[in-house]
C-alpha atoms as a PDB file:
ATOM      1  CA  UNK A   1     -11.312 -13.979   3.591  1.00  0.00           C
ATOM      2  CA  UNK A   2     -11.852 -17.732   3.171  1.00  0.00           C
ATOM      3  CA  UNK A   3     -15.564 -17.218   2.481  1.00  0.00           C
ATOM      4  CA  UNK A   4     -14.792 -14.588  -0.163  1.00  0.00           C
ATOM      5  CA  UNK A   5     -12.277 -16.905  -1.845  1.00  0.00           C
ATOM      6  CA  UNK A   6     -14.764 -19.785  -1.826  1.00  0.00           C
ATOM      7  CA  UNK A   7     -17.416 -17.529  -3.399  1.00  0.00           C
ATOM      8  CA  UNK A   8     -15.079 -16.376  -6.167  1.00  0.00           C
ATOM      9  CA  UNK A   9     -13.983 -19.960  -6.840  1.00  0.00           C
ATOM     10  CA  UNK A  10     -17.608 -21.068  -7.102  1.00  0.00           C
ATOM     11  CA  UNK A  11     -18.342 -18.292  -9.604  1.00  0.00           C
ATOM     12  CA  UNK A  12     -15.323 -19.278 -11.698  1.00  0.00           C
ATOM     13  CA  UNK A  13     -16.269 -22.964 -11.707  1.00  0.00           C
ATOM     14  CA  UNK A  14     -19.856 -22.125 -12.646  1.00  0.00           C
ATOM     15  CA  UNK A  15     -18.680 -20.127 -15.625  1.00  0.00           C
ATOM     16  CA  UNK A  16     -16.215 -22.792 -16.737  1.00  0.00           C
ATOM     17  CA  UNK A  17     -18.699 -25.656 -16.548  1.00  0.00           C
ATOM     18  CA  UNK A  18     -21.266 -23.667 -18.501  1.00  0.00           C
ATOM     19  CA  UNK A  19     -18.951 -22.938 -21.430  1.00  0.00           C
ATOM     20  CA  UNK A  20     -21.053 -24.983 -23.820  1.00  0.00           C
ATOM     21  CA  UNK A  21     -23.935 -22.493 -23.486  1.00  0.00           C
ATOM     22  CA  UNK A  22     -23.712 -19.459 -25.777  1.00  0.00           C
ATOM     23  CA  UNK A  23     -23.133 -16.240 -23.887  1.00  0.00           C
ATOM     24  CA  UNK A  24     -25.902 -13.778 -24.773  1.00  0.00           C
ATOM     25  CA  UNK A  25     -25.248 -11.373 -21.903  1.00  0.00           C
ATOM     26  CA  UNK A  26     -23.154  -8.244 -22.151  1.00  0.00           C
ATOM     27  CA  UNK A  27     -22.262  -8.570 -18.473  1.00  0.00           C
ATOM     28  CA  UNK A  28     -18.924  -9.969 -17.277  1.00  0.00           C
ATOM     29  CA  UNK A  29     -16.761 -10.162 -14.182  1.00  0.00           C
ATOM     30  CA  UNK A  30     -13.016  -9.564 -14.339  1.00  0.00           C
ATOM     31  CA  UNK A  31     -10.844 -10.996 -11.566  1.00  0.00           C
ATOM     32  CA  UNK A  32      -7.146 -10.190 -11.565  1.00  0.00           C
ATOM     33  CA  UNK A  33      -4.072  -9.954  -9.401  1.00  0.00           C
ATOM     34  CA  UNK A  34      -0.455  -8.998  -9.812  1.00  0.00           C
ATOM     35  CA  UNK A  35       2.731  -7.457  -8.483  1.00  0.00           C
ATOM     36  CA  UNK A  36       2.924  -3.697  -8.253  1.00  0.00           C
ATOM     37  CA  UNK A  37       5.443  -0.891  -7.775  1.00  0.00           C
ATOM     38  CA  UNK A  38       4.274   1.916  -5.470  1.00  0.00           C
ATOM     39  CA  UNK A  39       5.875   5.359  -5.264  1.00  0.00           C
ATOM     40  CA  UNK A  40       5.238   5.914  -1.491  1.00  0.00           C
ATOM     41  CA  UNK A  41       7.009   9.280  -1.723  1.00  0.00           C
ATOM     42  CA  UNK A  42       7.762  11.260   1.448  1.00  0.00           C
ATOM     43  CA  UNK A  43       7.673   8.238   3.746  1.00  0.00           C
ATOM     44  CA  UNK A  44      10.531   6.630   1.823  1.00  0.00           C
ATOM     45  CA  UNK A  45      12.595   9.801   1.465  1.00  0.00           C
ATOM     46  CA  UNK A  46      12.200  10.671   5.165  1.00  0.00           C
ATOM     47  CA  UNK A  47      13.297   7.229   6.348  1.00  0.00           C
ATOM     48  CA  UNK A  48      16.273   7.449   3.993  1.00  0.00           C
ATOM     49  CA  UNK A  49      17.152  10.828   5.530  1.00  0.00           C
ATOM     50  CA  UNK A  50      16.840   9.403   9.055  1.00  0.00           C
ATOM     51  CA  UNK A  51      19.208   6.564   8.110  1.00  0.00           C
ATOM     52  CA  UNK A  52      21.785   9.032   6.797  1.00  0.00           C
ATOM     53  CA  UNK A  53      21.564  11.059  10.006  1.00  0.00           C
ATOM     54  CA  UNK A  54      22.027   7.973  12.191  1.00  0.00           C
ATOM     55  CA  UNK A  55      25.177   7.022  10.295  1.00  0.00           C
ATOM     56  CA  UNK A  56      26.491  10.548  10.805  1.00  0.00           C
ATOM     57  CA  UNK A  57      25.735  10.805  14.515  1.00  0.00           C
ATOM     58  CA  UNK A  58      26.443   7.267  15.740  1.00  0.00           C
ATOM     59  CA  UNK A  59      29.191   4.685  15.467  1.00  0.00           C
ATOM     60  CA  UNK A  60      29.204   1.004  14.507  1.00  0.00           C
ATOM     61  CA  UNK A  61      25.923   1.505  12.697  1.00  0.00           C
ATOM     62  CA  UNK A  62      24.513  -1.313  10.575  1.00  0.00           C
ATOM     63  CA  UNK A  63      21.315  -1.680   8.595  1.00  0.00           C
ATOM     64  CA  UNK A  64      19.137   1.005   7.007  1.00  0.00           C
ATOM     65  CA  UNK A  65      15.523   2.037   6.698  1.00  0.00           C
ATOM     66  CA  UNK A  66      15.159   0.813   3.136  1.00  0.00           C
ATOM     67  CA  UNK A  67      12.622   2.081   0.632  1.00  0.00           C
ATOM     68  CA  UNK A  68       9.359   0.171   0.413  1.00  0.00           C
ATOM     69  CA  UNK A  69       8.055  -0.010  -3.144  1.00  0.00           C
ATOM     70  CA  UNK A  70       6.971  -3.507  -4.128  1.00  0.00           C
ATOM     71  CA  UNK A  71       3.646  -5.005  -3.168  1.00  0.00           C
ATOM     72  CA  UNK A  72       0.658  -6.971  -4.423  1.00  0.00           C
ATOM     73  CA  UNK A  73      -2.714  -5.900  -5.773  1.00  0.00           C
ATOM     74  CA  UNK A  74      -6.023  -7.614  -6.536  1.00  0.00           C
ATOM     75  CA  UNK A  75      -9.161  -6.375  -8.259  1.00  0.00           C
ATOM     76  CA  UNK A  76     -12.700  -7.459  -9.094  1.00  0.00           C
ATOM     77  CA  UNK A  77     -14.630  -5.477 -11.694  1.00  0.00           C
ATOM     78  CA  UNK A  78     -18.117  -5.836 -13.160  1.00  0.00           C
ATOM     79  CA  UNK A  79     -18.259  -4.667 -16.782  1.00  0.00           C
ATOM     80  CA  UNK A  80     -21.346  -4.013 -18.889  1.00  0.00           C
ATOM     81  CA  UNK A  81     -20.871  -3.663 -22.657  1.00  0.00           C
ATOM     82  CA  UNK A  82     -22.902  -0.781 -24.103  1.00  0.00           C
ATOM     83  CA  UNK A  83     -21.763  -1.746 -27.596  1.00  0.00           C
ATOM     84  CA  UNK A  84     -19.600  -4.576 -28.891  1.00  0.00           C
ATOM     85  CA  UNK A  85     -16.521  -2.488 -28.137  1.00  0.00           C
ATOM     86  CA  UNK A  86     -17.396  -0.007 -25.389  1.00  0.00           C
ATOM     87  CA  UNK A  87     -18.265  -0.893 -21.789  1.00  0.00           C
ATOM     88  CA  UNK A  88     -18.631   0.615 -18.335  1.00  0.00           C
ATOM     89  CA  UNK A  89     -16.899  -1.022 -15.396  1.00  0.00           C
ATOM     90  CA  UNK A  90     -17.533  -0.698 -11.674  1.00  0.00           C
ATOM     91  CA  UNK A  91     -14.891  -2.291  -9.513  1.00  0.00           C
ATOM     92  CA  UNK A  92     -13.113  -2.668  -6.247  1.00  0.00           C
ATOM     93  CA  UNK A  93      -9.799  -4.042  -5.179  1.00  0.00           C
ATOM     94  CA  UNK A  94      -7.015  -4.081  -2.666  1.00  0.00           C
ATOM     95  CA  UNK A  95      -3.318  -3.368  -2.704  1.00  0.00           C
ATOM     96  CA  UNK A  96      -0.784  -3.852   0.019  1.00  0.00           C
ATOM     97  CA  UNK A  97       2.841  -2.814   0.435  1.00  0.00           C
ATOM     98  CA  UNK A  98       4.886  -3.502   3.558  1.00  0.00           C
ATOM     99  CA  UNK A  99       8.495  -3.411   4.772  1.00  0.00           C
ATOM    100  CA  UNK A 100      10.421  -4.293   7.907  1.00  0.00           C
ATOM    101  CA  UNK A 101      13.976  -3.121   8.592  1.00  0.00           C
ATOM    102  CA  UNK A 102      16.363  -3.189  11.516  1.00  0.00           C
ATOM    103  CA  UNK A 103      19.178  -0.841  12.496  1.00  0.00           C
ATOM    104  CA  UNK A 104      21.930  -1.273  15.079  1.00  0.00           C
ATOM    105  CA  UNK A 105      23.740   1.766  16.476  1.00  0.00           C
ATOM    106  CA  UNK A 106      26.228   2.619  19.188  1.00  0.00           C
ATOM    107  CA  UNK A 107      27.208   6.008  20.568  1.00  0.00           C
ATOM    108  CA  UNK A 108      30.448   7.967  20.862  1.00  0.00           C
ATOM    109  CA  UNK A 109      29.734   9.287  24.384  1.00  0.00           C
ATOM    110  CA  UNK A 110      27.914   6.301  25.858  1.00  0.00           C
ATOM    111  CA  UNK A 111      28.427   2.534  26.236  1.00  0.00           C
ATOM    112  CA  UNK A 112      24.776   1.937  25.368  1.00  0.00           C
ATOM    113  CA  UNK A 113      23.750   0.070  22.219  1.00  0.00           C
ATOM    114  CA  UNK A 114      20.416   0.056  20.396  1.00  0.00           C
ATOM    115  CA  UNK A 115      18.660  -2.348  18.073  1.00  0.00           C
ATOM    116  CA  UNK A 116      15.551  -0.850  16.498  1.00  0.00           C
ATOM    117  CA  UNK A 117      13.057  -2.333  14.067  1.00  0.00           C
ATOM    118  CA  UNK A 118      10.605  -0.350  11.948  1.00  0.00           C
ATOM    119  CA  UNK A 119       7.606  -2.058  10.335  1.00  0.00           C
ATOM    120  CA  UNK A 120       5.318  -0.049   8.095  1.00  0.00           C
ATOM    121  CA  UNK A 121       2.340  -1.093   6.003  1.00  0.00           C
ATOM    122  CA  UNK A 122       0.154   0.729   3.498  1.00  0.00           C
ATOM    123  CA  UNK A 123      -3.183  -0.788   2.544  1.00  0.00           C
ATOM    124  CA  UNK A 124      -5.614   0.676   0.027  1.00  0.00           C
ATOM    125  CA  UNK A 125      -9.054  -0.275  -1.292  1.00  0.00           C
ATOM    126  CA  UNK A 126      -9.715   1.523  -4.599  1.00  0.00           C
ATOM    127  CA  UNK A 127     -13.358   1.819  -5.698  1.00  0.00           C
ATOM    128  CA  UNK A 128     -13.251   2.543  -9.420  1.00  0.00           C
ATOM    129  CA  UNK A 129     -15.433   3.615 -12.328  1.00  0.00           C
ATOM    130  CA  UNK A 130     -13.894   2.913 -15.757  1.00  0.00           C
ATOM    131  CA  UNK A 131     -14.671   3.173 -19.445  1.00  0.00           C
ATOM    132  CA  UNK A 132     -13.525   0.073 -21.359  1.00  0.00           C
ATOM    133  CA  UNK A 133     -12.686  -0.131 -25.048  1.00  0.00           C
ATOM    134  CA  UNK A 134     -12.135  -3.453 -26.810  1.00  0.00           C
ATOM    135  CA  UNK A 135     -10.133  -3.775 -30.035  1.00  0.00           C
ATOM    136  CA  UNK A 136     -10.531  -7.183 -31.755  1.00  0.00           C
ATOM    137  CA  UNK A 137      -7.182  -8.540 -32.958  1.00  0.00           C
ATOM    138  CA  UNK A 138      -8.366 -12.033 -33.913  1.00  0.00           C
ATOM    139  CA  UNK A 139     -11.446 -14.197 -33.462  1.00  0.00           C
ATOM    140  CA  UNK A 140     -10.554 -14.972 -29.837  1.00  0.00           C
ATOM    141  CA  UNK A 141      -7.984 -12.245 -29.086  1.00  0.00           C
ATOM    142  CA  UNK A 142      -8.733  -8.674 -27.979  1.00  0.00           C
ATOM    143  CA  UNK A 143      -6.759  -5.627 -26.975  1.00  0.00           C
ATOM    144  CA  UNK A 144      -8.445  -4.128 -23.907  1.00  0.00           C
ATOM    145  CA  UNK A 145      -8.032  -0.485 -22.844  1.00  0.00           C
ATOM    146  CA  UNK A 146      -9.634   1.241 -19.863  1.00  0.00           C
ATOM    147  CA  UNK A 147      -9.455   4.462 -17.910  1.00  0.00           C
ATOM    148  CA  UNK A 148     -11.389   6.285 -15.226  1.00  0.00           C
ATOM    149  CA  UNK A 149     -11.523   7.720 -11.730  1.00  0.00           C
ATOM    150  CA  UNK A 150     -11.610   6.117  -8.318  1.00  0.00           C
ATOM    151  CA  UNK A 151     -11.986   6.645  -4.609  1.00  0.00           C
ATOM    152  CA  UNK A 152      -8.898   5.261  -2.836  1.00  0.00           C
ATOM    153  CA  UNK A 153      -9.659   4.291   0.766  1.00  0.00           C
ATOM    154  CA  UNK A 154      -6.295   4.135   2.527  1.00  0.00           C
ATOM    155  CA  UNK A 155      -4.844   3.036   5.867  1.00  0.00           C
ATOM    156  CA  UNK A 156      -1.316   3.176   7.251  1.00  0.00           C
ATOM    157  CA  UNK A 157       0.328   1.237  10.073  1.00  0.00           C
ATOM    158  CA  UNK A 158       3.694   1.893  11.664  1.00  0.00           C
ATOM    159  CA  UNK A 159       5.432  -0.044  14.433  1.00  0.00           C
ATOM    160  CA  UNK A 160       8.717   0.593  16.213  1.00  0.00           C
ATOM    161  CA  UNK A 161      10.448  -1.973  18.459  1.00  0.00           C
ATOM    162  CA  UNK A 162      13.511  -0.780  20.339  1.00  0.00           C
ATOM    163  CA  UNK A 163      15.936  -2.774  22.493  1.00  0.00           C
ATOM    164  CA  UNK A 164      18.403  -0.605  24.417  1.00  0.00           C
ATOM    165  CA  UNK A 165      21.370  -2.504  25.850  1.00  0.00           C
ATOM    166  CA  UNK A 166      22.942  -0.778  28.838  1.00  0.00           C
ATOM    167  CA  UNK A 167      25.834  -2.187  30.906  1.00  0.00           C
ATOM    168  CA  UNK A 168      23.496  -3.069  33.797  1.00  0.00           C
ATOM    169  CA  UNK A 169      20.016  -3.339  32.306  1.00  0.00           C
ATOM    170  CA  UNK A 170      18.139  -3.953  29.056  1.00  0.00           C
ATOM    171  CA  UNK A 171      15.303  -1.571  28.196  1.00  0.00           C
ATOM    172  CA  UNK A 172      12.550  -2.381  25.712  1.00  0.00           C
ATOM    173  CA  UNK A 173       9.986  -0.175  24.034  1.00  0.00           C
ATOM    174  CA  UNK A 174       7.316  -0.979  21.459  1.00  0.00           C
ATOM    175  CA  UNK A 175       5.150   1.715  19.855  1.00  0.00           C
ATOM    176  CA  UNK A 176       2.480   1.426  17.181  1.00  0.00           C
ATOM    177  CA  UNK A 177       0.450   3.830  15.065  1.00  0.00           C
ATOM    178  CA  UNK A 178      -2.701   2.589  13.335  1.00  0.00           C
ATOM    179  CA  UNK A 179      -4.469   5.160  11.193  1.00  0.00           C
ATOM    180  CA  UNK A 180      -8.156   5.328  10.517  1.00  0.00           C
ATOM    181  CA  UNK A 181      -9.135   4.704   6.901  1.00  0.00           C
ATOM    182  CA  UNK A 182      -9.265   7.857   4.814  1.00  0.00           C
ATOM    183  CA  UNK A 183     -10.265   8.301   1.191  1.00  0.00           C
ATOM    184  CA  UNK A 184      -8.863  10.332  -1.673  1.00  0.00           C
ATOM    185  CA  UNK A 185      -9.716  10.771  -5.349  1.00  0.00           C
ATOM    186  CA  UNK A 186      -7.425   9.164  -7.888  1.00  0.00           C
ATOM    187  CA  UNK A 187      -7.227   8.135 -11.529  1.00  0.00           C
ATOM    188  CA  UNK A 188      -6.290   4.878 -13.200  1.00  0.00           C
ATOM    189  CA  UNK A 189      -5.809   3.292 -16.586  1.00  0.00           C
ATOM    190  CA  UNK A 190      -4.976  -0.128 -18.005  1.00  0.00           C
ATOM    191  CA  UNK A 191      -4.134  -2.002 -21.158  1.00  0.00           C
ATOM    192  CA  UNK A 192      -4.151  -5.731 -21.713  1.00  0.00           C
ATOM    193  CA  UNK A 193      -4.381  -8.667 -24.074  1.00  0.00           C
ATOM    194  CA  UNK A 194      -7.352 -10.953 -23.617  1.00  0.00           C
ATOM    195  CA  UNK A 195      -7.873 -14.418 -25.078  1.00  0.00           C
ATOM    196  CA  UNK A 196     -11.242 -16.137 -24.877  1.00  0.00           C
ATOM    197  CA  UNK A 197     -10.742 -19.757 -23.861  1.00  0.00           C
ATOM    198  CA  UNK A 198     -14.437 -20.604 -24.156  1.00  0.00           C
ATOM    199  CA  UNK A 199     -17.574 -18.575 -24.823  1.00  0.00           C
ATOM    200  CA  UNK A 200     -17.812 -17.774 -21.124  1.00  0.00           C
ATOM    201  CA  UNK A 201     -14.215 -17.713 -19.933  1.00  0.00           C
ATOM    202  CA  UNK A 202     -11.331 -15.516 -20.999  1.00  0.00           C
ATOM    203  CA  UNK A 203      -7.748 -15.168 -19.802  1.00  0.00           C
ATOM    204  CA  UNK A 204      -5.918 -11.859 -19.901  1.00  0.00           C
ATOM    205  CA  UNK A 205      -2.610 -10.204 -19.115  1.00  0.00           C
ATOM    206  CA  UNK A 206      -2.972  -6.621 -17.945  1.00  0.00           C
ATOM    207  CA  UNK A 207      -0.758  -3.650 -17.139  1.00  0.00           C
ATOM    208  CA  UNK A 208      -2.183  -0.960 -14.864  1.00  0.00           C
ATOM    209  CA  UNK A 209      -1.151   2.476 -13.724  1.00  0.00           C
ATOM    210  CA  UNK A 210      -2.767   4.810 -11.204  1.00  0.00           C
ATOM    211  CA  UNK A 211      -2.267   8.198  -9.584  1.00  0.00           C
ATOM    212  CA  UNK A 212      -3.394   9.187  -6.070  1.00  0.00           C
ATOM    213  CA  UNK A 213      -1.898  10.856  -3.004  1.00  0.00           C
ATOM    214  CA  UNK A 214      -3.174  11.086   0.555  1.00  0.00           C
ATOM    215  CA  UNK A 215      -2.322  13.256   3.543  1.00  0.00           C
ATOM    216  CA  UNK A 216      -3.751  14.110   6.953  1.00  0.00           C
ATOM    217  CA  UNK A 217      -3.906  10.542   8.260  1.00  0.00           C
ATOM    218  CA  UNK A 218      -4.860  10.298  11.933  1.00  0.00           C
ATOM    219  CA  UNK A 219      -5.473   7.370  14.218  1.00  0.00           C
ATOM    220  CA  UNK A 220      -4.531   5.615  17.421  1.00  0.00           C
ATOM    221  CA  UNK A 221      -1.078   5.382  18.955  1.00  0.00           C
ATOM    222  CA  UNK A 222      -0.172   2.876  21.648  1.00  0.00           C
ATOM    223  CA  UNK A 223       2.934   1.628  23.345  1.00  0.00           C
ATOM    224  CA  UNK A 224       4.442  -0.378  26.131  1.00  0.00           C
ATOM    225  CA  UNK A 225       7.896  -0.280  27.639  1.00  0.00           C
ATOM    226  CA  UNK A 226      10.194  -1.485  30.374  1.00  0.00           C
ATOM    227  CA  UNK A 227      12.615   1.309  31.320  1.00  0.00           C
ATOM    228  CA  UNK A 228      15.132   0.535  34.096  1.00  0.00           C
ATOM    229  CA  UNK A 229      12.861  -2.363  35.144  1.00  0.00           C
ATOM    230  CA  UNK A 230       9.815  -0.057  35.391  1.00  0.00           C
ATOM    231  CA  UNK A 231       6.944  -1.023  33.038  1.00  0.00           C
ATOM    232  CA  UNK A 232       4.741   1.543  31.335  1.00  0.00           C
ATOM    233  CA  UNK A 233       1.948   1.739  28.765  1.00  0.00           C
ATOM    234  CA  UNK A 234      -0.026   4.384  26.898  1.00  0.00           C
ATOM    235  CA  UNK A 235      -2.880   4.600  24.427  1.00  0.00           C
ATOM    236  CA  UNK A 236      -4.063   7.822  22.775  1.00  0.00           C
ATOM    237  CA  UNK A 237      -6.373   8.731  19.899  1.00  0.00           C
ATOM    238  CA  UNK A 238      -6.504  11.613  17.397  1.00  0.00           C
ATOM    239  CA  UNK A 239      -2.802  11.199  16.645  1.00  0.00           C
ATOM    240  CA  UNK A 240      -1.353  12.416  13.364  1.00  0.00           C
ATOM    241  CA  UNK A 241       1.939  11.711  11.620  1.00  0.00           C
ATOM    242  CA  UNK A 242       4.003  14.776  10.688  1.00  0.00           C
ATOM    243  CA  UNK A 243       7.348  15.597   9.142  1.00  0.00           C
ATOM    244  CA  UNK A 244       9.932  18.077  10.410  1.00  0.00           C
ATOM    245  CA  UNK A 245      12.889  19.322   8.344  1.00  0.00           C
ATOM    246  CA  UNK A 246      16.092  20.479  10.002  1.00  0.00           C
ATOM    247  CA  UNK A 247      19.577  21.557   8.958  1.00  0.00           C
ATOM    248  CA  UNK A 248      22.787  19.933  10.145  1.00  0.00           C
ATOM    249  CA  UNK A 249      26.214  20.820   8.756  1.00  0.00           C
ATOM    250  CA  UNK A 250      24.589  22.750   5.907  1.00  0.00           C
ATOM    251  CA  UNK A 251      22.516  19.767   4.800  1.00  0.00           C
ATOM    252  CA  UNK A 252      18.776  19.329   5.208  1.00  0.00           C
ATOM    253  CA  UNK A 253      17.422  16.243   6.967  1.00  0.00           C
ATOM    254  CA  UNK A 254      13.878  15.143   7.740  1.00  0.00           C
ATOM    255  CA  UNK A 255      12.283  13.130  10.505  1.00  0.00           C
ATOM    256  CA  UNK A 256       8.734  12.195  11.355  1.00  0.00           C
ATOM    257  CA  UNK A 257       6.874  12.688  14.615  1.00  0.00           C
ATOM    258  CA  UNK A 258       3.589  11.388  15.953  1.00  0.00           C
ATOM    259  CA  UNK A 259       1.571  14.006  17.799  1.00  0.00           C
ATOM    260  CA  UNK A 260      -1.905  14.239  19.294  1.00  0.00           C
ATOM    261  CA  UNK A 261      -3.731  17.299  18.002  1.00  0.00           C
ATOM    262  CA  UNK A 262      -1.798  20.218  16.511  1.00  0.00           C
ATOM    263  CA  UNK A 263       2.018  19.776  16.690  1.00  0.00           C
ATOM    264  CA  UNK A 264       3.905  22.128  18.965  1.00  0.00           C
ATOM    265  CA  UNK A 265       6.650  22.512  16.366  1.00  0.00           C
ATOM    266  CA  UNK A 266       5.541  25.277  13.949  1.00  0.00           C
ATOM    267  CA  UNK A 267       7.691  23.707  11.208  1.00  0.00           C
ATOM    268  CA  UNK A 268       5.845  20.390  11.298  1.00  0.00           C
ATOM    269  CA  UNK A 269       3.703  19.472   8.311  1.00  0.00           C
ATOM    270  CA  UNK A 270       1.482  16.538   7.371  1.00  0.00           C
ATOM    271  CA  UNK A 271       3.075  13.445   5.886  1.00  0.00           C
ATOM    272  CA  UNK A 272       1.910  12.885   2.293  1.00  0.00           C
ATOM    273  CA  UNK A 273       1.939   9.313   1.019  1.00  0.00           C
ATOM    274  CA  UNK A 274       2.103   8.860  -2.739  1.00  0.00           C
ATOM    275  CA  UNK A 275      -0.117   5.918  -3.652  1.00  0.00           C
ATOM    276  CA  UNK A 276       0.731   6.160  -7.349  1.00  0.00           C
ATOM    277  CA  UNK A 277       2.218   3.172  -9.103  1.00  0.00           C
ATOM    278  CA  UNK A 278       1.897   0.521 -11.732  1.00  0.00           C
ATOM    279  CA  UNK A 279       1.455  -3.234 -11.844  1.00  0.00           C
ATOM    280  CA  UNK A 280       1.549  -6.220 -14.160  1.00  0.00           C
ATOM    281  CA  UNK A 281      -0.915  -9.024 -13.563  1.00  0.00           C
ATOM    282  CA  UNK A 282      -3.066 -11.801 -14.922  1.00  0.00           C
ATOM    283  CA  UNK A 283      -6.781 -12.434 -14.663  1.00  0.00           C
ATOM    284  CA  UNK A 284      -9.956 -14.199 -15.713  1.00  0.00           C
ATOM    285  CA  UNK A 285     -12.951 -12.771 -17.537  1.00  0.00           C
ATOM    286  CA  UNK A 286     -16.200 -14.573 -16.717  1.00  0.00           C
ATOM    287  CA  UNK A 287     -19.226 -13.911 -18.931  1.00  0.00           C
ATOM    288  CA  UNK A 288     -22.763 -14.334 -17.619  1.00  0.00           C
END
C-alpha cells in the first residue's frame, strides 16, 4: 500500500513540475476518491429483521444491528482521447464499507446474559471500461460525462464475538467467515466538472453511480470458544452464507446461516448483496 501511494505521488509530482511543457499527448490518468452510499440490500434487511426478533423474544435488550451504507471509494483510470471530446477509459478502483454493532440481551426463563458483536465488511475492486465525453464550458473548464460496464470483484467478511454471562461461568465464542473473491458484471456512469490548473494538471469534482449485485459467495469459516471452561476450535472451507425466512405471530422474519455445502434446510437461499450505490468525490487529471 505504501509503495503504491509513493508511486502515485511521484507521478503527480512529475506532472506538476512539467506543467511548463505543452501537453501534446491525448493520454491522461485520472485519480479520484470520495465518500459513497452503498445499497447492501438483503444483508441490511436481514440484520434488521434479526434485531426485531431479538427485541421480541428477549428482555432488557439494548443495541441493534444497524444498516451499513456509508463507505469510501478510490479509482485510477487511464483515458485516451480519440477526438477532442470523446475518449476511452480503462480503470480500476476499490471501495470499502464496514460496520460493527453490539447487542445486549437477557432471557425471560434464564439468568444468563449475552453481549454479542457483529462486524461485517464488504470490499470490491471494480475493473471498468468507459466511454468519456467532454463538453467545454470555458477555456479551462469542462463538463465530463462517462458511462460503461465493469467487472466487480467482491469479497465479504463477517465476524461474531459472543460473551455469555452465566451465574457461575463466563463463556466466549468467536466465529469468522471470510469469502473468496468473486466477480460479477455491473454498470457505471459519472458526471463531473473539471478545471485545468496547468497544461498537464486538472482538478475535478465528480459524482458517480453504479449498479451490480452478487450472490453465491463461499469461503472459509473458523471459530474458537471456551464453553464451561472447555476450549474448542474449528476451521472449514466451502462454506456459503444463506438466508432463511420464517413466520412468527403472523409476521415474516429472516435470519442468515453459514453452512458447508448444500444447506439442510430446503427453504434456505443464497444471500444476495447489492453493491449498487453512488458517491461524490474529488480527483486529479494528469496529462502525459
